[in-house]
Each structure stands twice: as C-alpha cells, then as structure tokens.
Amino acid sequence: MEQYVLSVKVENRSGVLARVVGLFSARGYNIDSLSVSKTEDSEVSVITIVVHGNDRVIEQVKKQLNKLIDVIKVYDHTNIPAAQREIAIVKIQLTPVKRVEVFQIAQTFGAEIIDISQKSLSLQVVGHPTKIENFIDIIRNYGIKELIRSGRVSFARDRA
C-alpha cells in the first residue's frame, strides 16, 4: 500500500473534521498523520492527512470529500513537489558522559535543546518526515524516555 498525502481546505466550522476523518475510518483506513490549522483566512482551515491505501480507494475518498458541503478543495500532495514538515520532541535519559555525543547528533540534525536536567535531555527537531525518522533512529540508541510527533503539514511548491 502506498502512502498518500492529502491537503483538504475546509470551512472553519465545528464538526467538519469529524466528517472528513469519518470518510477514512468508514473504509477501514488508519490515518498515519493528521494536522489541522487555520489558514491566512480565519474562516478557512486546512487538514493535512497522511494515510496508506490504494489508488482506487483514495480516488473514491477524494471524490466523496469534494462532495462534502464544508470542503472547499481537496489537494493530493502525494506525487507533486511539496514542502512537508513535522516536529518531534524527544526526551532521553542521559548520563553526563553521553551528553557531548548527543549534542553533536543534535547539531548535525539542527535539533534544539528545549530542556535539560541531571537525568534527562529534551530535544526538538523540525523537518521533512524522513529527517525526523533518521533522527529518531539514531537517538533511539541513547534510550528514548518519551517521544511525541506533530502531524505532518504539506505545502505545494510553486511550479516555475
């Protein structure tokens, strides 16, 4: 099954998110990532959905999304040039001896230290989902105590 990235512009009203997400759950698709935010227009929100599926079902879902009264437009960012970003915050248990190593890894990935104590270190990393995955894979060797990721956002690039 392929991963799909859909960006859905909707009217900023209560219940819209539930109706949009309901179309996926009705077909038995688990949403991998979900992000919702207002746009430059406070009356409009954008929902970014990352889901695994097949072409036929995703096409069906896109058509049904477009039929919802509160949906303004559905964009498929799966195979187009798009800036995609996530944020991850990772807390690791860390001895002072390992701190220099972790600081170097953080610097390599452009991660920011957001909290530090005698026993732990919390890092924030922002970037493409692949970068986030690579960072987590490397930092996992130091013992992840807690991990949280935002939903992905996707912004279509202008074509020249």
C-alpha atoms as a PDB file:
ATOM      1  CA  MET A   1       0.000   0.000   0.000  1.00  0.00           C
ATOM      2  CA  GLU A   2       1.226   3.431  -0.931  1.00  0.00           C
ATOM      3  CA  GLN A   3       1.375   6.446   1.369  1.00  0.00           C
ATOM      4  CA  TYR A   4      -0.869   9.354   0.342  1.00  0.00           C
ATOM      5  CA  VAL A   5      -0.688  12.971   1.489  1.00  0.00           C
ATOM      6  CA  LEU A   6      -3.933  14.900   1.122  1.00  0.00           C
ATOM      7  CA  SER A   7      -4.463  18.553   1.942  1.00  0.00           C
ATOM      8  CA  VAL A   8      -8.117  19.476   2.390  1.00  0.00           C
ATOM      9  CA  LYS A   9      -9.240  23.126   2.585  1.00  0.00           C
ATOM     10  CA  VAL A  10     -12.448  23.359   4.586  1.00  0.00           C
ATOM     11  CA  GLU A  11     -14.793  25.888   6.127  1.00  0.00           C
ATOM     12  CA  ASN A  12     -13.649  26.524   9.703  1.00  0.00           C
ATOM     13  CA  ARG A  13     -16.745  25.124  11.456  1.00  0.00           C
ATOM     14  CA  SER A  14     -17.374  22.585  14.193  1.00  0.00           C
ATOM     15  CA  GLY A  15     -17.961  19.016  13.053  1.00  0.00           C
ATOM     16  CA  VAL A  16     -16.083  19.353   9.751  1.00  0.00           C
ATOM     17  CA  LEU A  17     -13.033  17.442  10.955  1.00  0.00           C
ATOM     18  CA  ALA A  18     -15.189  14.557  12.185  1.00  0.00           C
ATOM     19  CA  ARG A  19     -16.939  14.273   8.821  1.00  0.00           C
ATOM     20  CA  VAL A  20     -13.653  14.361   6.892  1.00  0.00           C
ATOM     21  CA  VAL A  21     -11.962  11.778   9.108  1.00  0.00           C
ATOM     22  CA  GLY A  22     -15.107   9.642   9.063  1.00  0.00           C
ATOM     23  CA  LEU A  23     -14.684   9.013   5.350  1.00  0.00           C
ATOM     24  CA  PHE A  24     -11.362   7.293   6.030  1.00  0.00           C
ATOM     25  CA  SER A  25     -12.473   5.288   9.065  1.00  0.00           C
ATOM     26  CA  ALA A  26     -15.590   4.090   7.212  1.00  0.00           C
ATOM     27  CA  ARG A  27     -13.244   2.385   4.747  1.00  0.00           C
ATOM     28  CA  GLY A  28     -11.061   0.866   7.450  1.00  0.00           C
ATOM     29  CA  TYR A  29      -8.073   3.128   6.795  1.00  0.00           C
ATOM     30  CA  ASN A  30      -5.999   4.208   9.746  1.00  0.00           C
ATOM     31  CA  ILE A  31      -4.740   7.772   9.439  1.00  0.00           C
ATOM     32  CA  ASP A  32      -0.964   7.870   9.944  1.00  0.00           C
ATOM     33  CA  SER A  33      -0.799  11.615  10.499  1.00  0.00           C
ATOM     34  CA  LEU A  34      -3.336  14.399  10.908  1.00  0.00           C
ATOM     35  CA  SER A  35      -2.793  18.120  11.199  1.00  0.00           C
ATOM     36  CA  VAL A  36      -5.406  20.876  11.259  1.00  0.00           C
ATOM     37  CA  SER A  37      -4.884  24.615  11.300  1.00  0.00           C
ATOM     38  CA  LYS A  38      -6.428  27.891  10.264  1.00  0.00           C
ATOM     39  CA  THR A  39      -5.071  29.442   7.077  1.00  0.00           C
ATOM     40  CA  GLU A  40      -4.407  33.072   6.168  1.00  0.00           C
ATOM     41  CA  ASP A  41      -8.227  33.372   6.208  1.00  0.00           C
ATOM     42  CA  SER A  42      -9.609  32.663   9.702  1.00  0.00           C
ATOM     43  CA  GLU A  43     -12.803  31.284   8.115  1.00  0.00           C
ATOM     44  CA  VAL A  44     -10.815  28.535   6.348  1.00  0.00           C
ATOM     45  CA  SER A  45      -8.795  25.653   7.802  1.00  0.00           C
ATOM     46  CA  VAL A  46      -6.536  23.133   6.126  1.00  0.00           C
ATOM     47  CA  ILE A  47      -6.484  19.481   7.151  1.00  0.00           C
ATOM     48  CA  THR A  48      -3.381  17.525   6.160  1.00  0.00           C
ATOM     49  CA  ILE A  49      -3.962  13.768   6.181  1.00  0.00           C
ATOM     50  CA  VAL A  50      -1.340  11.064   5.658  1.00  0.00           C
ATOM     51  CA  VAL A  51      -2.799   7.622   5.030  1.00  0.00           C
ATOM     52  CA  HIS A  52      -1.778   4.318   3.454  1.00  0.00           C
ATOM     53  CA  GLY A  53      -4.121   2.935   0.822  1.00  0.00           C
ATOM     54  CA  ASN A  54      -4.505   2.072  -2.824  1.00  0.00           C
ATOM     55  CA  ASP A  55      -5.220   4.345  -5.785  1.00  0.00           C
ATOM     56  CA  ARG A  56      -8.799   3.219  -6.298  1.00  0.00           C
ATOM     57  CA  VAL A  57      -9.959   3.765  -2.716  1.00  0.00           C
ATOM     58  CA  ILE A  58      -8.080   7.053  -2.283  1.00  0.00           C
ATOM     59  CA  GLU A  59      -9.640   8.371  -5.509  1.00  0.00           C
ATOM     60  CA  GLN A  60     -13.041   7.389  -4.146  1.00  0.00           C
ATOM     61  CA  VAL A  61     -12.336   9.157  -0.841  1.00  0.00           C
ATOM     62  CA  LYS A  62     -11.174  12.315  -2.666  1.00  0.00           C
ATOM     63  CA  LYS A  63     -14.401  12.375  -4.709  1.00  0.00           C
ATOM     64  CA  GLN A  64     -16.505  11.943  -1.584  1.00  0.00           C
ATOM     65  CA  LEU A  65     -14.516  14.620   0.258  1.00  0.00           C
ATOM     66  CA  ASN A  66     -15.231  17.035  -2.585  1.00  0.00           C
ATOM     67  CA  LYS A  67     -18.963  16.338  -2.155  1.00  0.00           C
ATOM     68  CA  LEU A  68     -18.975  17.434   1.495  1.00  0.00           C
ATOM     69  CA  ILE A  69     -20.578  20.851   1.785  1.00  0.00           C
ATOM     70  CA  ASP A  70     -17.851  22.299   4.053  1.00  0.00           C
ATOM     71  CA  VAL A  71     -14.982  21.129   1.827  1.00  0.00           C
ATOM     72  CA  ILE A  72     -13.608  23.898  -0.382  1.00  0.00           C
ATOM     73  CA  LYS A  73     -10.943  21.912  -2.254  1.00  0.00           C
ATOM     74  CA  VAL A  74      -9.001  18.640  -1.970  1.00  0.00           C
ATOM     75  CA  TYR A  75      -5.340  18.650  -2.996  1.00  0.00           C
ATOM     76  CA  ASP A  76      -3.319  15.480  -3.463  1.00  0.00           C
ATOM     77  CA  HIS A  77       0.303  16.195  -2.488  1.00  0.00           C
ATOM     78  CA  THR A  78       1.385  12.587  -2.967  1.00  0.00           C
ATOM     79  CA  ASN A  79       3.306  12.943  -6.224  1.00  0.00           C
ATOM     80  CA  ILE A  80       3.863  16.677  -6.570  1.00  0.00           C
ATOM     81  CA  PRO A  81       6.698  18.904  -5.341  1.00  0.00           C
ATOM     82  CA  ALA A  82       5.671  19.905  -1.826  1.00  0.00           C
ATOM     83  CA  ALA A  83       7.372  21.199   1.292  1.00  0.00           C
ATOM     84  CA  GLN A  84       6.452  18.714   4.024  1.00  0.00           C
ATOM     85  CA  ARG A  85       7.370  19.211   7.658  1.00  0.00           C
ATOM     86  CA  GLU A  86       6.863  17.658  11.082  1.00  0.00           C
ATOM     87  CA  ILE A  87       8.083  18.450  14.534  1.00  0.00           C
ATOM     88  CA  ALA A  88       9.257  15.865  17.055  1.00  0.00           C
ATOM     89  CA  ILE A  89      10.118  16.320  20.700  1.00  0.00           C
ATOM     90  CA  VAL A  90      12.224  13.566  22.242  1.00  0.00           C
ATOM     91  CA  LYS A  91      13.186  13.111  25.891  1.00  0.00           C
ATOM     92  CA  ILE A  92      16.097  10.790  26.557  1.00  0.00           C
ATOM     93  CA  GLN A  93      17.590   9.579  29.805  1.00  0.00           C
ATOM     94  CA  LEU A  94      21.165  10.628  29.632  1.00  0.00           C
ATOM     95  CA  THR A  95      24.295  10.353  31.709  1.00  0.00           C
ATOM     96  CA  PRO A  96      26.627  13.369  31.646  1.00  0.00           C
ATOM     97  CA  VAL A  97      29.226  11.208  29.837  1.00  0.00           C
ATOM     98  CA  LYS A  98      26.961  10.775  26.785  1.00  0.00           C
ATOM     99  CA  ARG A  99      25.872  14.426  26.580  1.00  0.00           C
ATOM    100  CA  VAL A 100      28.650  15.522  24.220  1.00  0.00           C
ATOM    101  CA  GLU A 101      27.732  12.747  21.769  1.00  0.00           C
ATOM    102  CA  VAL A 102      24.055  13.696  21.860  1.00  0.00           C
ATOM    103  CA  PHE A 103      24.871  17.405  21.482  1.00  0.00           C
ATOM    104  CA  GLN A 104      26.841  16.561  18.325  1.00  0.00           C
ATOM    105  CA  ILE A 105      23.976  14.490  16.916  1.00  0.00           C
ATOM    106  CA  ALA A 106      21.535  17.281  17.739  1.00  0.00           C
ATOM    107  CA  GLN A 107      23.756  19.812  15.981  1.00  0.00           C
ATOM    108  CA  THR A 108      24.026  17.588  12.899  1.00  0.00           C
ATOM    109  CA  PHE A 109      20.229  17.394  12.608  1.00  0.00           C
ATOM    110  CA  GLY A 110      19.608  21.025  13.558  1.00  0.00           C
ATOM    111  CA  ALA A 111      17.786  19.882  16.701  1.00  0.00           C
ATOM    112  CA  GLU A 112      17.226  22.325  19.529  1.00  0.00           C
ATOM    113  CA  ILE A 113      17.691  21.522  23.211  1.00  0.00           C
ATOM    114  CA  ILE A 114      14.461  22.557  24.915  1.00  0.00           C
ATOM    115  CA  ASP A 115      15.016  21.108  28.392  1.00  0.00           C
ATOM    116  CA  ILE A 116      17.940  19.692  30.311  1.00  0.00           C
ATOM    117  CA  SER A 117      18.218  18.178  33.773  1.00  0.00           C
ATOM    118  CA  GLN A 118      20.654  15.956  35.643  1.00  0.00           C
ATOM    119  CA  LYS A 119      18.940  12.824  34.328  1.00  0.00           C
ATOM    120  CA  SER A 120      17.381  13.766  31.003  1.00  0.00           C
ATOM    121  CA  LEU A 121      17.586  15.896  27.901  1.00  0.00           C
ATOM    122  CA  SER A 122      14.705  17.005  25.668  1.00  0.00           C
ATOM    123  CA  LEU A 123      15.298  17.848  22.025  1.00  0.00           C
ATOM    124  CA  GLN A 124      13.096  19.354  19.354  1.00  0.00           C
ATOM    125  CA  VAL A 125      13.711  18.618  15.694  1.00  0.00           C
ATOM    126  CA  VAL A 126      11.794  20.074  12.743  1.00  0.00           C
ATOM    127  CA  GLY A 127      11.977  18.874   9.171  1.00  0.00           C
ATOM    128  CA  HIS A 128      10.869  16.513   6.461  1.00  0.00           C
ATOM    129  CA  PRO A 129       9.413  13.286   7.878  1.00  0.00           C
ATOM    130  CA  THR A 130      12.433  11.329   6.576  1.00  0.00           C
ATOM    131  CA  LYS A 131      14.769  13.592   8.559  1.00  0.00           C
ATOM    132  CA  ILE A 132      12.633  13.076  11.669  1.00  0.00           C
ATOM    133  CA  GLU A 133      12.726   9.280  11.202  1.00  0.00           C
ATOM    134  CA  ASN A 134      16.519   9.306  10.771  1.00  0.00           C
ATOM    135  CA  PHE A 135      16.983  11.447  13.875  1.00  0.00           C
ATOM    136  CA  ILE A 136      14.777   9.155  15.965  1.00  0.00           C
ATOM    137  CA  ASP A 137      16.569   6.032  14.677  1.00  0.00           C
ATOM    138  CA  ILE A 138      19.933   7.417  15.771  1.00  0.00           C
ATOM    139  CA  ILE A 139      18.797   8.920  19.069  1.00  0.00           C
ATOM    140  CA  ARG A 140      16.956   5.689  19.988  1.00  0.00           C
ATOM    141  CA  ASN A 141      20.358   4.166  20.889  1.00  0.00           C
ATOM    142  CA  TYR A 142      20.501   6.549  23.856  1.00  0.00           C
ATOM    143  CA  GLY A 143      17.192   5.390  25.342  1.00  0.00           C
ATOM    144  CA  ILE A 144      14.076   7.327  24.476  1.00  0.00           C
ATOM    145  CA  LYS A 145      12.049   8.062  27.597  1.00  0.00           C
ATOM    146  CA  GLU A 146       9.288   9.951  25.794  1.00  0.00           C
ATOM    147  CA  LEU A 147       8.543  10.853  22.176  1.00  0.00           C
ATOM    148  CA  ILE A 148       5.835  12.955  20.572  1.00  0.00           C
ATOM    149  CA  ARG A 149       5.385  13.989  16.942  1.00  0.00           C
ATOM    150  CA  SER A 150       3.123  16.518  15.353  1.00  0.00           C
ATOM    151  CA  GLY A 151       1.017  15.734  12.352  1.00  0.00           C
ATOM    152  CA  ARG A 152       2.611  16.444   9.005  1.00  0.00           C
ATOM    153  CA  VAL A 153       1.941  19.659   7.147  1.00  0.00           C
ATOM    154  CA  SER A 154       2.331  19.865   3.387  1.00  0.00           C
ATOM    155  CA  PHE A 155       2.560  22.961   1.226  1.00  0.00           C
ATOM    156  CA  ALA A 156       2.604  22.635  -2.566  1.00  0.00           C
ATOM    157  CA  ARG A 157       5.590  24.315  -4.166  1.00  0.00           C
ATOM    158  CA  ASP A 158       5.056  26.800  -6.963  1.00  0.00           C
ATOM    159  CA  ARG A 159       5.890  25.373 -10.331  1.00  0.00           C
ATOM    160  CA  ALA A 160       8.261  27.511 -12.374  1.00  0.00           C
END
